Amino acid sequence: MAGSPSLRRDLSLLDVIRGRLPDAARQAHAAHEVVHRRGWLGEPIVLVLYLVQGLIHLEGGELDQADRSIDADLEISRDGSDIACRVALGIADIGVTVARRDPAAALAASIRLHIIQERAGDLPPMLDRWCAITHIDAQLTAGNPDAAMNLADPVEFWGYPSAPSRRW
């Protein structure tokens, strides 16, 4: 079971959500090795793995690597095979644009995420909150504090998705 790429992939996502990035990186690396050996790099099974790698790179300030992971995932998932993963990819995409301080790209990515959310329908509360915070970040990056405040929700939700809101 320790060698299972899906278990390691899922554990790495949990580690990212909990803010345990070194643990997430170790799990993701181990899963990537197995997936690579088996020739599964273009398969839907690796969606979460690429997402985790993208988030780890994003949090580490490695924006080019984050872009590559996110782009690979978006290509694999373009048919909407895993909507929750596509939502998280949209979030990560905004994260890269915000980290680069690119207002136009942040707003464009926010619009793309909104479209993904509409197609997804009702999201789990954590994912919904993460989207809201990310849209706020995009508006702030674009110099639209009023729009950001209109999106703000006073309900506090702890964990990785709400970390940016604790900066305010």
Protein backbone atom coordinates (compact mmCIF):
# COMPACT_ATOMS: atom_id res chain seq x y z
CA MET A 1 0.00 0.00 0.00
CA ALA A 2 2.89 2.39 0.67
CA GLY A 3 3.83 2.23 -3.02
CA SER A 4 0.33 3.00 -4.28
CA PRO A 5 0.51 6.14 -6.43
CA SER A 6 -3.12 7.04 -5.72
CA LEU A 7 -2.61 6.78 -1.94
CA ARG A 8 0.57 8.86 -2.06
CA ARG A 9 -1.12 11.37 -4.37
CA ASP A 10 -4.08 11.72 -2.03
CA LEU A 11 -1.86 11.99 1.03
CA SER A 12 0.15 14.69 -0.69
CA LEU A 13 -3.04 16.72 -1.30
CA LEU A 14 -4.01 16.38 2.35
CA ASP A 15 -0.53 17.54 3.34
CA VAL A 16 -0.87 20.63 1.09
CA ILE A 17 -4.28 21.45 2.57
CA ARG A 18 -2.82 21.18 6.07
CA GLY A 19 0.16 23.34 5.12
CA ARG A 20 2.68 20.51 5.43
CA LEU A 21 4.51 21.33 2.22
CA PRO A 22 7.71 19.29 2.82
CA ASP A 23 5.59 16.19 3.54
CA ALA A 24 3.44 16.93 0.49
CA ALA A 25 6.54 17.24 -1.68
CA ARG A 26 7.89 13.88 -0.47
CA GLN A 27 4.58 12.10 -1.09
CA ALA A 28 4.14 13.76 -4.50
CA HIS A 29 7.68 12.85 -5.54
CA ALA A 30 7.15 9.21 -4.56
CA ALA A 31 3.83 9.09 -6.45
CA HIS A 32 5.40 10.77 -9.49
CA GLU A 33 8.16 8.16 -9.60
CA VAL A 34 5.63 5.32 -9.68
CA VAL A 35 3.40 7.03 -12.24
CA HIS A 36 6.40 7.82 -14.44
CA ARG A 37 7.68 4.22 -14.32
CA ARG A 38 4.26 2.92 -15.32
CA GLY A 39 3.84 5.41 -18.15
CA TRP A 40 0.75 7.07 -16.67
CA LEU A 41 1.89 10.71 -16.87
CA GLY A 42 -0.87 11.63 -19.36
CA GLU A 43 -3.64 9.76 -17.58
CA PRO A 44 -6.43 11.28 -15.46
CA ILE A 45 -5.04 9.46 -12.40
CA VAL A 46 -2.30 12.10 -12.21
CA LEU A 47 -4.62 15.13 -12.09
CA VAL A 48 -4.33 15.54 -8.34
CA LEU A 49 -0.60 14.83 -8.49
CA TYR A 50 0.01 17.69 -10.96
CA LEU A 51 -2.25 19.92 -8.87
CA VAL A 52 -0.26 19.16 -5.73
CA GLN A 53 3.02 19.77 -7.53
CA GLY A 54 1.68 23.06 -8.86
CA LEU A 55 0.57 24.16 -5.39
CA ILE A 56 3.90 23.17 -3.85
CA HIS A 57 5.78 25.14 -6.50
CA LEU A 58 3.41 28.08 -6.11
CA GLU A 59 3.87 28.20 -2.35
CA GLY A 60 7.63 27.90 -2.84
CA GLY A 61 7.68 30.84 -5.25
CA GLU A 62 8.70 28.61 -8.17
CA LEU A 63 6.20 30.16 -10.56
CA ASP A 64 7.48 28.70 -13.84
CA GLN A 65 7.35 25.17 -12.41
CA ALA A 66 3.89 25.87 -10.98
CA ASP A 67 2.73 27.02 -14.41
CA ARG A 68 4.04 23.85 -16.03
CA SER A 69 2.27 21.58 -13.55
CA ILE A 70 -0.97 23.52 -13.76
CA ASP A 71 -0.86 23.68 -17.58
CA ALA A 72 -0.22 19.92 -17.80
CA ASP A 73 -3.18 19.29 -15.52
CA LEU A 74 -5.47 21.66 -17.39
CA GLU A 75 -4.60 19.88 -20.64
CA ILE A 76 -5.33 16.43 -19.19
CA SER A 77 -8.57 17.58 -17.54
CA ARG A 78 -9.92 19.76 -20.35
CA ASP A 79 -12.86 17.38 -20.84
CA GLY A 80 -13.90 17.98 -17.23
CA SER A 81 -13.10 14.50 -15.94
CA ASP A 82 -12.64 15.72 -12.35
CA ILE A 83 -14.50 18.94 -11.66
CA ALA A 84 -13.13 19.44 -8.15
CA CYS A 85 -9.62 19.17 -9.52
CA ARG A 86 -10.46 21.66 -12.30
CA VAL A 87 -11.75 24.10 -9.68
CA ALA A 88 -8.55 23.70 -7.67
CA LEU A 89 -6.52 24.20 -10.85
CA GLY A 90 -8.40 27.45 -11.50
CA ILE A 91 -7.52 28.52 -7.98
CA ALA A 92 -3.87 27.66 -8.52
CA ASP A 93 -3.89 29.49 -11.84
CA ILE A 94 -5.05 32.66 -10.09
CA GLY A 95 -2.42 32.08 -7.42
CA VAL A 96 0.34 32.18 -10.03
CA THR A 97 -1.00 35.41 -11.59
CA VAL A 98 -1.31 37.03 -8.16
CA ALA A 99 2.23 35.97 -7.23
CA ARG A 100 3.43 37.52 -10.46
CA ARG A 101 1.44 40.68 -9.67
CA ASP A 102 -0.19 40.61 -13.10
CA PRO A 103 -3.56 42.42 -12.80
CA ALA A 104 -4.91 41.56 -16.25
CA ALA A 105 -3.95 37.89 -15.98
CA ALA A 106 -5.42 37.70 -12.46
CA LEU A 107 -8.78 39.02 -13.64
CA ALA A 108 -8.77 36.73 -16.68
CA ALA A 109 -7.96 33.72 -14.49
CA SER A 110 -10.71 34.78 -12.07
CA ILE A 111 -13.23 34.79 -14.93
CA ARG A 112 -12.06 31.32 -16.03
CA LEU A 113 -12.46 30.04 -12.47
CA HIS A 114 -15.95 31.55 -12.26
CA ILE A 115 -16.93 29.65 -15.43
CA ILE A 116 -15.55 26.40 -14.00
CA GLN A 117 -17.50 27.04 -10.77
CA GLU A 118 -20.73 27.61 -12.69
CA ARG A 119 -20.27 24.32 -14.51
CA ALA A 120 -19.46 22.54 -11.25
CA GLY A 121 -22.60 23.58 -9.41
CA ASP A 122 -22.60 23.32 -5.63
CA LEU A 123 -19.12 22.88 -4.23
CA PRO A 124 -18.03 21.54 -0.85
CA PRO A 125 -17.71 24.40 1.67
CA MET A 126 -13.90 24.28 1.83
CA LEU A 127 -13.54 24.46 -1.94
CA ASP A 128 -16.19 27.17 -2.17
CA ARG A 129 -14.36 29.25 0.45
CA TRP A 130 -11.03 28.73 -1.29
CA CYS A 131 -12.58 30.03 -4.53
CA ALA A 132 -13.98 33.10 -2.78
CA ILE A 133 -10.64 33.99 -1.22
CA THR A 134 -8.87 33.48 -4.53
CA HIS A 135 -11.32 35.75 -6.37
CA ILE A 136 -10.67 38.37 -3.69
CA ASP A 137 -6.92 38.05 -4.24
CA ALA A 138 -7.44 38.55 -7.97
CA GLN A 139 -9.47 41.72 -7.38
CA LEU A 140 -6.89 43.09 -4.95
CA THR A 141 -4.11 42.36 -7.43
CA ALA A 142 -6.08 44.25 -10.06
CA GLY A 143 -6.38 47.25 -7.74
CA ASN A 144 -10.11 46.77 -7.10
CA PRO A 145 -10.46 46.85 -3.29
CA ASP A 146 -14.19 47.69 -3.43
CA ALA A 147 -14.88 44.66 -5.63
CA ALA A 148 -12.77 42.55 -3.27
CA MET A 149 -14.73 43.74 -0.23
CA ASN A 150 -18.01 42.92 -2.00
CA LEU A 151 -16.78 39.34 -2.36
CA ALA A 152 -15.62 39.06 1.26
CA ASP A 153 -17.52 36.70 3.52
CA PRO A 154 -17.30 37.34 7.26
CA VAL A 155 -17.52 33.61 8.07
CA GLU A 156 -14.08 32.35 9.08
CA PHE A 157 -12.87 29.02 7.71
CA TRP A 158 -9.48 27.78 8.89
CA GLY A 159 -6.96 25.77 6.95
CA TYR A 160 -4.94 26.22 3.79
CA PRO A 161 -7.73 27.84 1.73
CA SER A 162 -8.27 30.63 4.25
CA ALA A 163 -4.63 31.44 4.88
CA PRO A 164 -4.62 34.44 2.51
CA SER A 165 -7.62 35.96 4.31
CA ARG A 166 -5.71 36.00 7.59
CA ARG A 167 -3.28 38.51 6.02
CA TRP A 168 -6.00 41.18 6.04
